[in-house]
Amino acid sequence: MRREPTEAEAKLWSVLRGQRLGGMKFKRQEQLGDYIVDFVCFGSRVIVEADGSQHADAARDAARDDWLSGQGFQVLRFWNNDILGNAEGVARVILDAAQPPLPNPSPARGEGL
């Protein structure tokens, strides 16, 4: 595990920590199986990764994401420059992804009444 986060990880952690994002409790640098994830919310089963250029076209990341998905997690990856330049938009995507799906038919959409 790295002790010093990247600039993008620090920025993202400032958005996620202390249940600041929709009351979700995120942990950072958590080990899941053989992997260490940047951020995870066990309640919503969401993993958030901050990726730099070393992750461009990485086959290992695809295998890792497949394994994590197989464990019931949704993996969200964001480029460092997106986190640094649009933290609010990244937060919105994370919050939307963490919402449980509406039942089908959905009473919230006026269906099945």
PDB file of N, CA and C in Angstrom:
ATOM      1  N   MET A   1       0.836  -1.180   0.000  1.00  0.00           N
ATOM      2  CA  MET A   1       0.000   0.000   0.000  1.00  0.00           C
ATOM      3  C   MET A   1       0.884   1.248   0.000  1.00  0.00           C
ATOM      4  N   ARG A   2       0.434   2.211  -0.752  1.00  0.00           N
ATOM      5  CA  ARG A   2       1.157   3.479  -0.763  1.00  0.00           C
ATOM      6  C   ARG A   2       0.719   4.324   0.427  1.00  0.00           C
ATOM      7  N   ARG A   3       1.680   4.981   1.029  1.00  0.00           N
ATOM      8  CA  ARG A   3       1.354   5.867   2.157  1.00  0.00           C
ATOM      9  C   ARG A   3       0.937   7.248   1.678  1.00  0.00           C
ATOM     10  N   GLU A   4       1.490   7.693   0.574  1.00  0.00           N
ATOM     11  CA  GLU A   4       1.205   9.027   0.059  1.00  0.00           C
ATOM     12  C   GLU A   4       0.275   8.930  -1.153  1.00  0.00           C
ATOM     13  N   PRO A   5      -0.928   9.503  -1.030  1.00  0.00           N
ATOM     14  CA  PRO A   5      -1.843   9.462  -2.184  1.00  0.00           C
ATOM     15  C   PRO A   5      -1.376  10.411  -3.279  1.00  0.00           C
ATOM     16  N   THR A   6      -1.799  10.104  -4.502  1.00  0.00           N
ATOM     17  CA  THR A   6      -1.552  11.038  -5.603  1.00  0.00           C
ATOM     18  C   THR A   6      -2.439  12.269  -5.383  1.00  0.00           C
ATOM     19  N   GLU A   7      -2.188  13.310  -6.143  1.00  0.00           N
ATOM     20  CA  GLU A   7      -2.995  14.529  -6.033  1.00  0.00           C
ATOM     21  C   GLU A   7      -4.469  14.227  -6.324  1.00  0.00           C
ATOM     22  N   ALA A   8      -4.716  13.402  -7.335  1.00  0.00           N
ATOM     23  CA  ALA A   8      -6.093  13.057  -7.690  1.00  0.00           C
ATOM     24  C   ALA A   8      -6.751  12.222  -6.592  1.00  0.00           C
ATOM     25  N   GLU A   9      -6.023  11.281  -6.006  1.00  0.00           N
ATOM     26  CA  GLU A   9      -6.573  10.476  -4.914  1.00  0.00           C
ATOM     27  C   GLU A   9      -6.912  11.350  -3.713  1.00  0.00           C
ATOM     28  N   ALA A  10      -6.036  12.303  -3.397  1.00  0.00           N
ATOM     29  CA  ALA A  10      -6.294  13.207  -2.278  1.00  0.00           C
ATOM     30  C   ALA A  10      -7.542  14.043  -2.536  1.00  0.00           C
ATOM     31  N   LYS A  11      -7.689  14.530  -3.761  1.00  0.00           N
ATOM     32  CA  LYS A  11      -8.864  15.325  -4.128  1.00  0.00           C
ATOM     33  C   LYS A  11     -10.133  14.480  -4.018  1.00  0.00           C
ATOM     34  N   LEU A  12     -10.078  13.271  -4.543  1.00  0.00           N
ATOM     35  CA  LEU A  12     -11.236  12.382  -4.493  1.00  0.00           C
ATOM     36  C   LEU A  12     -11.573  12.007  -3.049  1.00  0.00           C
ATOM     37  N   TRP A  13     -10.572  11.750  -2.242  1.00  0.00           N
ATOM     38  CA  TRP A  13     -10.802  11.399  -0.839  1.00  0.00           C
ATOM     39  C   TRP A  13     -11.470  12.564  -0.106  1.00  0.00           C
ATOM     40  N   SER A  14     -11.126  13.795  -0.462  1.00  0.00           N
ATOM     41  CA  SER A  14     -11.762  14.948   0.180  1.00  0.00           C
ATOM     42  C   SER A  14     -13.260  15.008  -0.136  1.00  0.00           C
ATOM     43  N   VAL A  15     -13.655  14.423  -1.247  1.00  0.00           N
ATOM     44  CA  VAL A  15     -15.070  14.359  -1.632  1.00  0.00           C
ATOM     45  C   VAL A  15     -15.768  13.184  -0.941  1.00  0.00           C
ATOM     46  N   LEU A  16     -15.069  12.064  -0.781  1.00  0.00           N
ATOM     47  CA  LEU A  16     -15.688  10.828  -0.303  1.00  0.00           C
ATOM     48  C   LEU A  16     -15.657  10.639   1.217  1.00  0.00           C
ATOM     49  N   ARG A  17     -14.650  11.184   1.882  1.00  0.00           N
ATOM     50  CA  ARG A  17     -14.454  10.861   3.306  1.00  0.00           C
ATOM     51  C   ARG A  17     -15.538  11.486   4.182  1.00  0.00           C
ATOM     52  N   GLY A  18     -15.681  10.917   5.352  1.00  0.00           N
ATOM     53  CA  GLY A  18     -16.619  11.464   6.327  1.00  0.00           C
ATOM     54  C   GLY A  18     -18.072  11.415   5.892  1.00  0.00           C
ATOM     55  N   GLN A  19     -18.406  10.475   5.058  1.00  0.00           N
ATOM     56  CA  GLN A  19     -19.771  10.296   4.563  1.00  0.00           C
ATOM     57  C   GLN A  19     -20.318  11.567   3.925  1.00  0.00           C
ATOM     58  N   ARG A  20     -19.431  12.320   3.249  1.00  0.00           N
ATOM     59  CA  ARG A  20     -19.812  13.578   2.610  1.00  0.00           C
ATOM     60  C   ARG A  20     -20.642  13.379   1.355  1.00  0.00           C
ATOM     61  N   LEU A  21     -20.502  12.227   0.738  1.00  0.00           N
ATOM     62  CA  LEU A  21     -21.208  11.986  -0.524  1.00  0.00           C
ATOM     63  C   LEU A  21     -22.415  11.095  -0.260  1.00  0.00           C
ATOM     64  N   GLY A  22     -23.552  11.721  -0.123  1.00  0.00           N
ATOM     65  CA  GLY A  22     -24.797  10.983   0.050  1.00  0.00           C
ATOM     66  C   GLY A  22     -24.852  10.110   1.282  1.00  0.00           C
ATOM     67  N   GLY A  23     -24.039  10.412   2.283  1.00  0.00           N
ATOM     68  CA  GLY A  23     -24.038   9.614   3.508  1.00  0.00           C
ATOM     69  C   GLY A  23     -23.365   8.263   3.381  1.00  0.00           C
ATOM     70  N   MET A  24     -22.715   8.024   2.236  1.00  0.00           N
ATOM     71  CA  MET A  24     -22.046   6.732   2.021  1.00  0.00           C
ATOM     72  C   MET A  24     -20.709   6.709   2.750  1.00  0.00           C
ATOM     73  N   LYS A  25     -20.408   5.570   3.366  1.00  0.00           N
ATOM     74  CA  LYS A  25     -19.138   5.409   4.077  1.00  0.00           C
ATOM     75  C   LYS A  25     -18.123   4.739   3.156  1.00  0.00           C
ATOM     76  N   PHE A  26     -17.125   5.498   2.765  1.00  0.00           N
ATOM     77  CA  PHE A  26     -16.047   4.981   1.928  1.00  0.00           C
ATOM     78  C   PHE A  26     -14.815   4.716   2.776  1.00  0.00           C
ATOM     79  N   LYS A  27     -14.079   3.698   2.388  1.00  0.00           N
ATOM     80  CA  LYS A  27     -12.773   3.404   2.963  1.00  0.00           C
ATOM     81  C   LYS A  27     -11.755   3.531   1.851  1.00  0.00           C
ATOM     82  N   ARG A  28     -10.522   3.878   2.214  1.00  0.00           N
ATOM     83  CA  ARG A  28      -9.485   4.020   1.192  1.00  0.00           C
ATOM     84  C   ARG A  28      -8.428   2.949   1.390  1.00  0.00           C
ATOM     85  N   GLN A  29      -7.814   2.562   0.251  1.00  0.00           N
ATOM     86  CA  GLN A  29      -6.730   1.575   0.244  1.00  0.00           C
ATOM     87  C   GLN A  29      -7.131   0.297   0.991  1.00  0.00           C
ATOM     88  N   GLU A  30      -8.250  -0.293   0.581  1.00  0.00           N
ATOM     89  CA  GLU A  30      -8.759  -1.529   1.177  1.00  0.00           C
ATOM     90  C   GLU A  30      -8.328  -2.725   0.350  1.00  0.00           C
ATOM     91  N   GLN A  31      -7.971  -3.801   1.017  1.00  0.00           N
ATOM     92  CA  GLN A  31      -7.613  -5.034   0.312  1.00  0.00           C
ATOM     93  C   GLN A  31      -8.849  -5.896   0.135  1.00  0.00           C
ATOM     94  N   LEU A  32      -9.070  -6.308  -1.109  1.00  0.00           N
ATOM     95  CA  LEU A  32     -10.151  -7.236  -1.463  1.00  0.00           C
ATOM     96  C   LEU A  32      -9.511  -8.369  -2.243  1.00  0.00           C
ATOM     97  N   GLY A  33      -9.480  -9.545  -1.668  1.00  0.00           N
ATOM     98  CA  GLY A  33      -8.783 -10.662  -2.306  1.00  0.00           C
ATOM     99  C   GLY A  33      -7.319 -10.314  -2.461  1.00  0.00           C
ATOM    100  N   ASP A  34      -6.807 -10.475  -3.665  1.00  0.00           N
ATOM    101  CA  ASP A  34      -5.404 -10.168  -3.956  1.00  0.00           C
ATOM    102  C   ASP A  34      -5.185  -8.711  -4.356  1.00  0.00           C
ATOM    103  N   TYR A  35      -6.229  -7.902  -4.311  1.00  0.00           N
ATOM    104  CA  TYR A  35      -6.152  -6.549  -4.847  1.00  0.00           C
ATOM    105  C   TYR A  35      -6.349  -5.493  -3.763  1.00  0.00           C
ATOM    106  N   ILE A  36      -5.741  -4.346  -3.971  1.00  0.00           N
ATOM    107  CA  ILE A  36      -5.963  -3.186  -3.123  1.00  0.00           C
ATOM    108  C   ILE A  36      -6.666  -2.150  -3.981  1.00  0.00           C
ATOM    109  N   VAL A  37      -7.842  -1.738  -3.510  1.00  0.00           N
ATOM    110  CA  VAL A  37      -8.629  -0.762  -4.260  1.00  0.00           C
ATOM    111  C   VAL A  37      -8.419   0.617  -3.665  1.00  0.00           C
ATOM    112  N   ASP A  38      -8.569   1.645  -4.498  1.00  0.00           N
ATOM    113  CA  ASP A  38      -8.375   3.013  -4.018  1.00  0.00           C
ATOM    114  C   ASP A  38      -9.434   3.373  -2.983  1.00  0.00           C
ATOM    115  N   PHE A  39     -10.715   3.205  -3.340  1.00  0.00           N
ATOM    116  CA  PHE A  39     -11.815   3.556  -2.448  1.00  0.00           C
ATOM    117  C   PHE A  39     -12.933   2.539  -2.611  1.00  0.00           C
ATOM    118  N   VAL A  40     -13.579   2.183  -1.505  1.00  0.00           N
ATOM    119  CA  VAL A  40     -14.689   1.236  -1.573  1.00  0.00           C
ATOM    120  C   VAL A  40     -15.771   1.643  -0.582  1.00  0.00           C
ATOM    121  N   CYS A  41     -17.021   1.522  -1.027  1.00  0.00           N
ATOM    122  CA  CYS A  41     -18.186   1.669  -0.159  1.00  0.00           C
ATOM    123  C   CYS A  41     -18.841   0.292  -0.117  1.00  0.00           C
ATOM    124  N   PHE A  42     -18.694  -0.390   1.021  1.00  0.00           N
ATOM    125  CA  PHE A  42     -19.237  -1.740   1.131  1.00  0.00           C
ATOM    126  C   PHE A  42     -20.763  -1.729   1.127  1.00  0.00           C
ATOM    127  N   GLY A  43     -21.371  -0.674   1.686  1.00  0.00           N
ATOM    128  CA  GLY A  43     -22.830  -0.590   1.728  1.00  0.00           C
ATOM    129  C   GLY A  43     -23.456  -0.544   0.349  1.00  0.00           C
ATOM    130  N   SER A  44     -22.823   0.172  -0.569  1.00  0.00           N
ATOM    131  CA  SER A  44     -23.336   0.293  -1.938  1.00  0.00           C
ATOM    132  C   SER A  44     -22.635  -0.639  -2.912  1.00  0.00           C
ATOM    133  N   ARG A  45     -21.600  -1.352  -2.431  1.00  0.00           N
ATOM    134  CA  ARG A  45     -20.823  -2.279  -3.266  1.00  0.00           C
ATOM    135  C   ARG A  45     -20.205  -1.544  -4.454  1.00  0.00           C
ATOM    136  N   VAL A  46     -19.669  -0.341  -4.200  1.00  0.00           N
ATOM    137  CA  VAL A  46     -19.055   0.484  -5.238  1.00  0.00           C
ATOM    138  C   VAL A  46     -17.584   0.668  -4.931  1.00  0.00           C
ATOM    139  N   ILE A  47     -16.753   0.456  -5.944  1.00  0.00           N
ATOM    140  CA  ILE A  47     -15.312   0.696  -5.871  1.00  0.00           C
ATOM    141  C   ILE A  47     -14.999   1.848  -6.806  1.00  0.00           C
ATOM    142  N   VAL A  48     -14.181   2.785  -6.335  1.00  0.00           N
ATOM    143  CA  VAL A  48     -13.790   3.931  -7.147  1.00  0.00           C
ATOM    144  C   VAL A  48     -12.273   3.908  -7.282  1.00  0.00           C
ATOM    145  N   GLU A  49     -11.813   3.972  -8.521  1.00  0.00           N
ATOM    146  CA  GLU A  49     -10.383   3.964  -8.824  1.00  0.00           C
ATOM    147  C   GLU A  49      -9.989   5.267  -9.500  1.00  0.00           C
ATOM    148  N   ALA A  50      -8.882   5.847  -9.057  1.00  0.00           N
ATOM    149  CA  ALA A  50      -8.291   7.024  -9.693  1.00  0.00           C
ATOM    150  C   ALA A  50      -7.133   6.529 -10.544  1.00  0.00           C
ATOM    151  N   ASP A  51      -7.235   6.728 -11.838  1.00  0.00           N
ATOM    152  CA  ASP A  51      -6.256   6.160 -12.772  1.00  0.00           C
ATOM    153  C   ASP A  51      -5.399   7.231 -13.433  1.00  0.00           C
ATOM    154  N   GLY A  52      -4.109   6.971 -13.446  1.00  0.00           N
ATOM    155  CA  GLY A  52      -3.164   7.788 -14.195  1.00  0.00           C
ATOM    156  C   GLY A  52      -2.840   7.119 -15.512  1.00  0.00           C
ATOM    157  N   SER A  53      -1.870   7.644 -16.205  1.00  0.00           N
ATOM    158  CA  SER A  53      -1.528   7.143 -17.535  1.00  0.00           C
ATOM    159  C   SER A  53      -1.040   5.699 -17.525  1.00  0.00           C
ATOM    160  N   GLN A  54      -0.540   5.209 -16.392  1.00  0.00           N
ATOM    161  CA  GLN A  54      -0.059   3.832 -16.328  1.00  0.00           C
ATOM    162  C   GLN A  54      -1.201   2.820 -16.509  1.00  0.00           C
ATOM    163  N   HIS A  55      -2.443   3.289 -16.413  1.00  0.00           N
ATOM    164  CA  HIS A  55      -3.587   2.390 -16.548  1.00  0.00           C
ATOM    165  C   HIS A  55      -4.164   2.370 -17.965  1.00  0.00           C
ATOM    166  N   ALA A  56      -3.624   3.160 -18.854  1.00  0.00           N
ATOM    167  CA  ALA A  56      -4.139   3.187 -20.223  1.00  0.00           C
ATOM    168  C   ALA A  56      -3.926   1.822 -20.871  1.00  0.00           C
ATOM    169  N   ASP A  57      -5.017   1.221 -21.293  1.00  0.00           N
ATOM    170  CA  ASP A  57      -4.973  -0.058 -22.003  1.00  0.00           C
ATOM    171  C   ASP A  57      -4.279  -1.157 -21.188  1.00  0.00           C
ATOM    172  N   ALA A  58      -4.600  -1.243 -19.898  1.00  0.00           N
ATOM    173  CA  ALA A  58      -3.969  -2.229 -19.028  1.00  0.00           C
ATOM    174  C   ALA A  58      -4.829  -3.489 -18.941  1.00  0.00           C
ATOM    175  N   ALA A  59      -4.320  -4.595 -19.446  1.00  0.00           N
ATOM    176  CA  ALA A  59      -5.049  -5.867 -19.411  1.00  0.00           C
ATOM    177  C   ALA A  59      -5.218  -6.355 -17.971  1.00  0.00           C
ATOM    178  N   ARG A  60      -4.252  -6.050 -17.117  1.00  0.00           N
ATOM    179  CA  ARG A  60      -4.368  -6.472 -15.714  1.00  0.00           C
ATOM    180  C   ARG A  60      -5.552  -5.796 -15.040  1.00  0.00           C
ATOM    181  N   ASP A  61      -5.814  -4.531 -15.394  1.00  0.00           N
ATOM    182  CA  ASP A  61      -6.959  -3.834 -14.818  1.00  0.00           C
ATOM    183  C   ASP A  61      -8.267  -4.506 -15.225  1.00  0.00           C
ATOM    184  N   ALA A  62      -8.360  -4.976 -16.442  1.00  0.00           N
ATOM    185  CA  ALA A  62      -9.573  -5.645 -16.912  1.00  0.00           C
ATOM    186  C   ALA A  62      -9.807  -6.937 -16.131  1.00  0.00           C
ATOM    187  N   ALA A  63      -8.750  -7.719 -15.919  1.00  0.00           N
ATOM    188  CA  ALA A  63      -8.877  -8.959 -15.152  1.00  0.00           C
ATOM    189  C   ALA A  63      -9.251  -8.657 -13.703  1.00  0.00           C
ATOM    190  N   ARG A  64      -8.651  -7.630 -13.156  1.00  0.00           N
ATOM    191  CA  ARG A  64      -8.931  -7.211 -11.786  1.00  0.00           C
ATOM    192  C   ARG A  64     -10.388  -6.782 -11.657  1.00  0.00           C
ATOM    193  N   ASP A  65     -10.850  -5.953 -12.598  1.00  0.00           N
ATOM    194  CA  ASP A  65     -12.238  -5.484 -12.579  1.00  0.00           C
ATOM    195  C   ASP A  65     -13.216  -6.640 -12.727  1.00  0.00           C
ATOM    196  N   ASP A  66     -12.874  -7.621 -13.561  1.00  0.00           N
ATOM    197  CA  ASP A  66     -13.731  -8.800 -13.723  1.00  0.00           C
ATOM    198  C   ASP A  66     -13.864  -9.541 -12.405  1.00  0.00           C
ATOM    199  N   TRP A  67     -12.742  -9.724 -11.707  1.00  0.00           N
ATOM    200  CA  TRP A  67     -12.778 -10.438 -10.426  1.00  0.00           C
ATOM    201  C   TRP A  67     -13.611  -9.656  -9.408  1.00  0.00           C
ATOM    202  N   LEU A  68     -13.387  -8.354  -9.320  1.00  0.00           N
ATOM    203  CA  LEU A  68     -14.128  -7.529  -8.366  1.00  0.00           C
ATOM    204  C   LEU A  68     -15.625  -7.518  -8.702  1.00  0.00           C
ATOM    205  N   SER A  69     -15.962  -7.444  -9.972  1.00  0.00           N
ATOM    206  CA  SER A  69     -17.368  -7.511 -10.387  1.00  0.00           C
ATOM    207  C   SER A  69     -17.981  -8.849 -10.002  1.00  0.00           C
ATOM    208  N   GLY A  70     -17.206  -9.900 -10.144  1.00  0.00           N
ATOM    209  CA  GLY A  70     -17.668 -11.228  -9.753  1.00  0.00           C
ATOM    210  C   GLY A  70     -17.941 -11.349  -8.265  1.00  0.00           C
ATOM    211  N   GLN A  71     -17.349 -10.454  -7.483  1.00  0.00           N
ATOM    212  CA  GLN A  71     -17.585 -10.424  -6.039  1.00  0.00           C
ATOM    213  C   GLN A  71     -18.761  -9.510  -5.681  1.00  0.00           C
ATOM    214  N   GLY A  72     -19.426  -8.977  -6.702  1.00  0.00           N
ATOM    215  CA  GLY A  72     -20.612  -8.157  -6.479  1.00  0.00           C
ATOM    216  C   GLY A  72     -20.360  -6.661  -6.394  1.00  0.00           C
ATOM    217  N   PHE A  73     -19.177  -6.217  -6.799  1.00  0.00           N
ATOM    218  CA  PHE A  73     -18.862  -4.792  -6.762  1.00  0.00           C
ATOM    219  C   PHE A  73     -19.023  -4.167  -8.143  1.00  0.00           C
ATOM    220  N   GLN A  74     -19.398  -2.901  -8.144  1.00  0.00           N
ATOM    221  CA  GLN A  74     -19.401  -2.099  -9.361  1.00  0.00           C
ATOM    222  C   GLN A  74     -18.115  -1.277  -9.309  1.00  0.00           C
ATOM    223  N   VAL A  75     -17.300  -1.371 -10.345  1.00  0.00           N
ATOM    224  CA  VAL A  75     -16.020  -0.665 -10.381  1.00  0.00           C
ATOM    225  C   VAL A  75     -16.150   0.562 -11.277  1.00  0.00           C
ATOM    226  N   LEU A  76     -15.846   1.726 -10.698  1.00  0.00           N
ATOM    227  CA  LEU A  76     -15.869   2.987 -11.437  1.00  0.00           C
ATOM    228  C   LEU A  76     -14.434   3.485 -11.541  1.00  0.00           C
ATOM    229  N   ARG A  77     -13.999   3.777 -12.749  1.00  0.00           N
ATOM    230  CA  ARG A  77     -12.640   4.282 -12.976  1.00  0.00           C
ATOM    231  C   ARG A  77     -12.718   5.690 -13.538  1.00  0.00           C
ATOM    232  N   PHE A  78     -11.885   6.566 -12.979  1.00  0.00           N
ATOM    233  CA  PHE A  78     -11.827   7.949 -13.432  1.00  0.00           C
ATOM    234  C   PHE A  78     -10.377   8.321 -13.684  1.00  0.00           C
ATOM    235  N   TRP A  79     -10.126   9.030 -14.775  1.00  0.00           N
ATOM    236  CA  TRP A  79      -8.786   9.529 -15.051  1.00  0.00           C
ATOM    237  C   TRP A  79      -8.460  10.633 -14.062  1.00  0.00           C
ATOM    238  N   ASN A  80      -7.210  10.709 -13.674  1.00  0.00           N
ATOM    239  CA  ASN A  80      -6.769  11.730 -12.729  1.00  0.00           C
ATOM    240  C   ASN A  80      -7.151  13.135 -13.178  1.00  0.00           C
ATOM    241  N   ASN A  81      -6.981  13.433 -14.463  1.00  0.00           N
ATOM    242  CA  ASN A  81      -7.294  14.789 -14.928  1.00  0.00           C
ATOM    243  C   ASN A  81      -8.790  15.090 -14.826  1.00  0.00           C
ATOM    244  N   ASP A  82      -9.654  14.070 -14.937  1.00  0.00           N
ATOM    245  CA  ASP A  82     -11.092  14.282 -14.752  1.00  0.00           C
ATOM    246  C   ASP A  82     -11.405  14.594 -13.291  1.00  0.00           C
ATOM    247  N   ILE A  83     -10.756  13.896 -12.380  1.00  0.00           N
ATOM    248  CA  ILE A  83     -10.958  14.137 -10.950  1.00  0.00           C
ATOM    249  C   ILE A  83     -10.503  15.546 -10.588  1.00  0.00           C
ATOM    250  N   LEU A  84      -9.331  15.916 -11.062  1.00  0.00           N
ATOM    251  CA  LEU A  84      -8.779  17.228 -10.722  1.00  0.00           C
ATOM    252  C   LEU A  84      -9.539  18.375 -11.387  1.00  0.00           C
ATOM    253  N   GLY A  85     -10.045  18.154 -12.591  1.00  0.00           N
ATOM    254  CA  GLY A  85     -10.719  19.214 -13.328  1.00  0.00           C
ATOM    255  C   GLY A  85     -12.220  19.267 -13.169  1.00  0.00           C
ATOM    256  N   ASN A  86     -12.822  18.170 -12.692  1.00  0.00           N
ATOM    257  CA  ASN A  86     -14.278  18.121 -12.595  1.00  0.00           C
ATOM    258  C   ASN A  86     -14.696  17.210 -11.440  1.00  0.00           C
ATOM    259  N   ALA A  87     -14.237  17.522 -10.244  1.00  0.00           N
ATOM    260  CA  ALA A  87     -14.543  16.689  -9.075  1.00  0.00           C
ATOM    261  C   ALA A  87     -16.041  16.607  -8.818  1.00  0.00           C
ATOM    262  N   GLU A  88     -16.755  17.683  -9.071  1.00  0.00           N
ATOM    263  CA  GLU A  88     -18.200  17.686  -8.858  1.00  0.00           C
ATOM    264  C   GLU A  88     -18.901  16.714  -9.809  1.00  0.00           C
ATOM    265  N   GLY A  89     -18.495  16.694 -11.062  1.00  0.00           N
ATOM    266  CA  GLY A  89     -19.067  15.760 -12.029  1.00  0.00           C
ATOM    267  C   GLY A  89     -18.737  14.318 -11.690  1.00  0.00           C
ATOM    268  N   VAL A  90     -17.517  14.067 -11.250  1.00  0.00           N
ATOM    269  CA  VAL A  90     -17.118  12.719 -10.822  1.00  0.00           C
ATOM    270  C   VAL A  90     -17.963  12.295  -9.637  1.00  0.00           C
ATOM    271  N   ALA A  91     -18.153  13.187  -8.674  1.00  0.00           N
ATOM    272  CA  ALA A  91     -18.967  12.872  -7.492  1.00  0.00           C
ATOM    273  C   ALA A  91     -20.393  12.526  -7.896  1.00  0.00           C
ATOM    274  N   ARG A  92     -20.931  13.250  -8.863  1.00  0.00           N
ATOM    275  CA  ARG A  92     -22.295  12.988  -9.332  1.00  0.00           C
ATOM    276  C   ARG A  92     -22.411  11.593  -9.941  1.00  0.00           C
ATOM    277  N   VAL A  93     -21.411  11.209 -10.740  1.00  0.00           N
ATOM    278  CA  VAL A  93     -21.413   9.873 -11.350  1.00  0.00           C
ATOM    279  C   VAL A  93     -21.357   8.794 -10.261  1.00  0.00           C
ATOM    280  N   ILE A  94     -20.515   8.998  -9.266  1.00  0.00           N
ATOM    281  CA  ILE A  94     -20.396   8.019  -8.173  1.00  0.00           C
ATOM    282  C   ILE A  94     -21.722   7.916  -7.419  1.00  0.00           C
ATOM    283  N   LEU A  95     -22.306   9.046  -7.093  1.00  0.00           N
ATOM    284  CA  LEU A  95     -23.571   9.053  -6.364  1.00  0.00           C
ATOM    285  C   LEU A  95     -24.669   8.362  -7.161  1.00  0.00           C
ATOM    286  N   ASP A  96     -24.740   8.643  -8.451  1.00  0.00           N
ATOM    287  CA  ASP A  96     -25.750   8.002  -9.304  1.00  0.00           C
ATOM    288  C   ASP A  96     -25.532   6.495  -9.371  1.00  0.00           C
ATOM    289  N   ALA A  97     -24.288   6.061  -9.486  1.00  0.00           N
ATOM    290  CA  ALA A  97     -23.988   4.637  -9.591  1.00  0.00           C
ATOM    291  C   ALA A  97     -24.319   3.893  -8.308  1.00  0.00           C
ATOM    292  N   ALA A  98     -24.261   4.589  -7.172  1.00  0.00           N
ATOM    293  CA  ALA A  98     -24.486   3.935  -5.881  1.00  0.00           C
ATOM    294  C   ALA A  98     -25.962   3.796  -5.538  1.00  0.00           C
ATOM    295  N   GLN A  99     -26.830   4.434  -6.309  1.00  0.00           N
ATOM    296  CA  GLN A  99     -28.254   4.348  -6.021  1.00  0.00           C
ATOM    297  C   GLN A  99     -28.791   2.984  -6.417  1.00  0.00           C
ATOM    298  N   PRO A 100     -29.625   2.388  -5.561  1.00  0.00           N
ATOM    299  CA  PRO A 100     -30.195   1.093  -5.931  1.00  0.00           C
ATOM    300  C   PRO A 100     -31.118   1.245  -7.129  1.00  0.00           C
ATOM    301  N   PRO A 101     -31.181   0.228  -7.967  1.00  0.00           N
ATOM    302  CA  PRO A 101     -32.072   0.315  -9.131  1.00  0.00           C
ATOM    303  C   PRO A 101     -33.534   0.339  -8.685  1.00  0.00           C
ATOM    304  N   LEU A 102     -34.339   1.057  -9.457  1.00  0.00           N
ATOM    305  CA  LEU A 102     -35.768   1.081  -9.167  1.00  0.00           C
ATOM    306  C   LEU A 102     -36.372  -0.265  -9.532  1.00  0.00           C
ATOM    307  N   PRO A 103     -37.388  -0.702  -8.763  1.00  0.00           N
ATOM    308  CA  PRO A 103     -38.037  -1.970  -9.119  1.00  0.00           C
ATOM    309  C   PRO A 103     -38.711  -1.861 -10.468  1.00  0.00           C
ATOM    310  N   ASN A 104     -38.936  -2.981 -11.090  1.00  0.00           N
ATOM    311  CA  ASN A 104     -39.573  -3.012 -12.393  1.00  0.00           C
ATOM    312  C   ASN A 104     -40.886  -3.769 -12.254  1.00  0.00           C
ATOM    313  N   PRO A 105     -42.050  -3.214 -12.385  1.00  0.00           N
ATOM    314  CA  PRO A 105     -42.332  -1.824 -12.737  1.00  0.00           C
ATOM    315  C   PRO A 105     -42.022  -0.900 -11.568  1.00  0.00           C
ATOM    316  N   SER A 106     -41.780   0.367 -11.876  1.00  0.00           N
ATOM    317  CA  SER A 106     -41.348   1.338 -10.878  1.00  0.00           C
ATOM    318  C   SER A 106     -42.496   2.242 -10.426  1.00  0.00           C
ATOM    319  N   PRO A 107     -42.869   2.151  -9.139  1.00  0.00           N
ATOM    320  CA  PRO A 107     -43.874   3.081  -8.620  1.00  0.00           C
ATOM    321  C   PRO A 107     -43.392   4.525  -8.688  1.00  0.00           C
ATOM    322  N   ALA A 108     -42.075   4.739  -8.609  1.00  0.00           N
ATOM    323  CA  ALA A 108     -41.537   6.099  -8.673  1.00  0.00           C
ATOM    324  C   ALA A 108     -41.789   6.736 -10.021  1.00  0.00           C
ATOM    325  N   ARG A 109     -41.935   5.922 -11.053  1.00  0.00           N
ATOM    326  CA  ARG A 109     -42.226   6.446 -12.394  1.00  0.00           C
ATOM    327  C   ARG A 109     -43.712   6.323 -12.725  1.00  0.00           C
ATOM    328  N   GLY A 110     -44.527   5.967 -11.736  1.00  0.00           N
ATOM    329  CA  GLY A 110     -45.967   5.847 -11.962  1.00  0.00           C
ATOM    330  C   GLY A 110     -46.372   4.569 -12.665  1.00  0.00           C
ATOM    331  N   GLU A 111     -45.491   3.579 -12.673  1.00  0.00           N
ATOM    332  CA  GLU A 111     -45.789   2.322 -13.346  1.00  0.00           C
ATOM    333  C   GLU A 111     -46.321   1.303 -12.331  1.00  0.00           C
ATOM    334  N   GLY A 112     -47.182   0.446 -12.768  1.00  0.00           N
ATOM    335  CA  GLY A 112     -47.666  -0.653 -11.952  1.00  0.00           C
ATOM    336  C   GLY A 112     -48.645  -0.247 -10.881  1.00  0.00           C
ATOM    337  N   LEU A 113     -49.212   0.959 -10.989  1.00  0.00           N
ATOM    338  CA  LEU A 113     -50.179   1.408  -9.983  1.00  0.00           C
ATOM    339  C   LEU A 113     -51.565   0.979 -10.326  1.00  0.00           C
TER     340      LEU A 113
END
